């Protein structure tokens, strides 16, 4: 029998595949993909048609570590959301499709999304 953590990861990947079957980012509206680990959170703005990452941010970056008092938690997620939104707008992206990556829209994922909206991304 698989370990509990392995089973949890497989269930998340199953949910992610289901979401990705419908969510596709293009040049006009790229995909804002979120990944959450135990210690960090990261986000990428991806053009699936071209297969390119247009903007990215993670809580492991040195400049974002200064902005957030803790490497994990809501403050770090908000800092990452704000940073990825600013970088996406600098790359010319105003509207995105949100891809929660199979994670529940709650806690750090929700904080990242709301911070990105507040920083000017539409989704």
Protein backbone atom coordinates (compact mmCIF):
# COMPACT_ATOMS: atom_id res chain seq x y z
CA UNK A 1 0.00 0.00 0.00
CA UNK A 2 1.40 3.45 -0.89
CA UNK A 3 2.36 5.90 1.80
CA UNK A 4 -0.13 8.57 2.81
CA UNK A 5 1.93 11.41 1.28
CA UNK A 6 2.31 9.53 -2.00
CA UNK A 7 -1.44 8.85 -2.13
CA UNK A 8 -2.17 12.53 -1.41
CA UNK A 9 0.17 13.59 -4.24
CA UNK A 10 -1.45 11.16 -6.70
CA UNK A 11 -4.92 12.48 -5.85
CA UNK A 12 -3.73 16.08 -6.37
CA UNK A 13 -2.22 15.17 -9.74
CA UNK A 14 -5.50 13.50 -10.76
CA UNK A 15 -7.38 16.72 -9.91
CA UNK A 16 -4.75 18.74 -11.76
CA UNK A 17 -5.14 16.62 -14.92
CA UNK A 18 -8.91 17.13 -14.79
CA UNK A 19 -8.48 20.91 -14.55
CA UNK A 20 -5.80 20.99 -17.25
CA UNK A 21 -8.11 19.16 -19.66
CA UNK A 22 -10.24 22.31 -19.72
CA UNK A 23 -7.81 25.11 -18.86
CA UNK A 24 -5.49 26.12 -21.68
CA UNK A 25 -3.53 29.37 -21.78
CA UNK A 26 -2.93 31.12 -25.07
CA UNK A 27 -1.09 34.22 -26.22
CA UNK A 28 -4.12 36.44 -25.56
CA UNK A 29 -4.89 34.94 -22.13
CA UNK A 30 -2.03 32.90 -20.60
CA UNK A 31 -2.35 30.53 -17.69
CA UNK A 32 -1.35 31.53 -14.14
CA UNK A 33 -0.17 28.22 -12.67
CA UNK A 34 0.35 27.85 -8.91
CA UNK A 35 2.43 25.26 -7.10
CA UNK A 36 2.45 24.94 -3.33
CA UNK A 37 4.94 22.87 -1.36
CA UNK A 38 5.33 22.53 2.39
CA UNK A 39 7.85 25.38 2.57
CA UNK A 40 7.40 27.49 -0.57
CA UNK A 41 4.85 28.66 -3.10
CA UNK A 42 5.50 29.55 -6.72
CA UNK A 43 3.53 30.91 -9.65
CA UNK A 44 4.16 31.07 -13.39
CA UNK A 45 2.38 32.84 -16.24
CA UNK A 46 2.54 30.35 -19.12
CA UNK A 47 1.66 30.65 -22.81
CA UNK A 48 0.73 27.02 -23.58
CA UNK A 49 0.52 27.63 -27.32
CA UNK A 50 4.15 28.70 -27.57
CA UNK A 51 5.27 26.59 -24.61
CA UNK A 52 6.91 29.58 -22.91
CA UNK A 53 6.93 30.98 -19.39
CA UNK A 54 6.25 34.72 -19.60
CA UNK A 55 6.70 35.55 -15.89
CA UNK A 56 7.44 33.65 -12.70
CA UNK A 57 7.94 34.21 -8.99
CA UNK A 58 8.67 31.99 -6.02
CA UNK A 59 8.99 32.45 -2.29
CA UNK A 60 12.52 31.00 -2.49
CA UNK A 61 13.82 34.14 -4.25
CA UNK A 62 16.09 36.33 -2.16
CA UNK A 63 14.23 39.58 -2.91
CA UNK A 64 10.88 38.08 -1.93
CA UNK A 65 12.32 36.63 1.27
CA UNK A 66 13.03 40.19 2.36
CA UNK A 67 9.42 41.22 1.60
CA UNK A 68 7.83 38.41 3.61
CA UNK A 69 8.66 37.81 7.28
CA UNK A 70 8.28 34.05 6.82
CA UNK A 71 9.24 31.83 3.89
CA UNK A 72 5.95 29.97 4.18
CA UNK A 73 2.54 31.26 5.05
CA UNK A 74 0.11 33.83 3.80
CA UNK A 75 2.59 36.72 3.75
CA UNK A 76 4.91 34.84 1.41
CA UNK A 77 1.98 33.87 -0.84
CA UNK A 78 0.83 37.48 -1.05
CA UNK A 79 4.36 38.63 -1.91
CA UNK A 80 4.61 36.01 -4.68
CA UNK A 81 1.18 36.99 -6.06
CA UNK A 82 2.13 40.64 -6.19
CA UNK A 83 5.53 39.91 -7.77
CA UNK A 84 4.17 37.60 -10.47
CA UNK A 85 1.45 40.12 -11.35
CA UNK A 86 3.98 42.95 -11.68
CA UNK A 87 6.29 40.79 -13.83
CA UNK A 88 3.37 39.66 -16.01
CA UNK A 89 2.21 43.23 -16.56
CA UNK A 90 5.78 44.18 -17.47
CA UNK A 91 5.66 41.37 -20.07
CA UNK A 92 2.42 42.83 -21.48
CA UNK A 93 -0.07 40.44 -19.89
CA UNK A 94 -3.27 41.91 -18.41
CA UNK A 95 -5.66 38.91 -18.37
CA UNK A 96 -4.88 35.35 -17.29
CA UNK A 97 -6.63 32.06 -16.62
CA UNK A 98 -6.08 30.82 -13.06
CA UNK A 99 -4.79 27.26 -12.69
CA UNK A 100 -4.79 26.21 -9.04
CA UNK A 101 -2.80 23.06 -9.86
CA UNK A 102 -5.15 20.62 -8.16
CA UNK A 103 -4.81 22.45 -4.84
CA UNK A 104 -7.88 23.64 -2.93
CA UNK A 105 -8.65 27.34 -3.46
CA UNK A 106 -8.03 28.17 0.19
CA UNK A 107 -5.26 29.55 2.35
CA UNK A 108 -2.01 30.28 0.52
CA UNK A 109 -3.42 29.59 -2.96
CA UNK A 110 -6.29 32.00 -2.33
CA UNK A 111 -3.94 34.63 -0.85
CA UNK A 112 -1.70 34.44 -3.94
CA UNK A 113 -4.70 34.81 -6.27
CA UNK A 114 -6.14 37.78 -4.39
CA UNK A 115 -2.76 39.53 -4.27
CA UNK A 116 -2.34 39.04 -8.03
CA UNK A 117 -5.81 40.50 -8.62
CA UNK A 118 -5.02 43.46 -6.38
CA UNK A 119 -1.78 44.06 -8.33
CA UNK A 120 -3.72 44.34 -11.59
CA UNK A 121 -4.15 40.90 -13.18
CA UNK A 122 -7.67 40.06 -14.36
CA UNK A 123 -9.10 36.56 -13.89
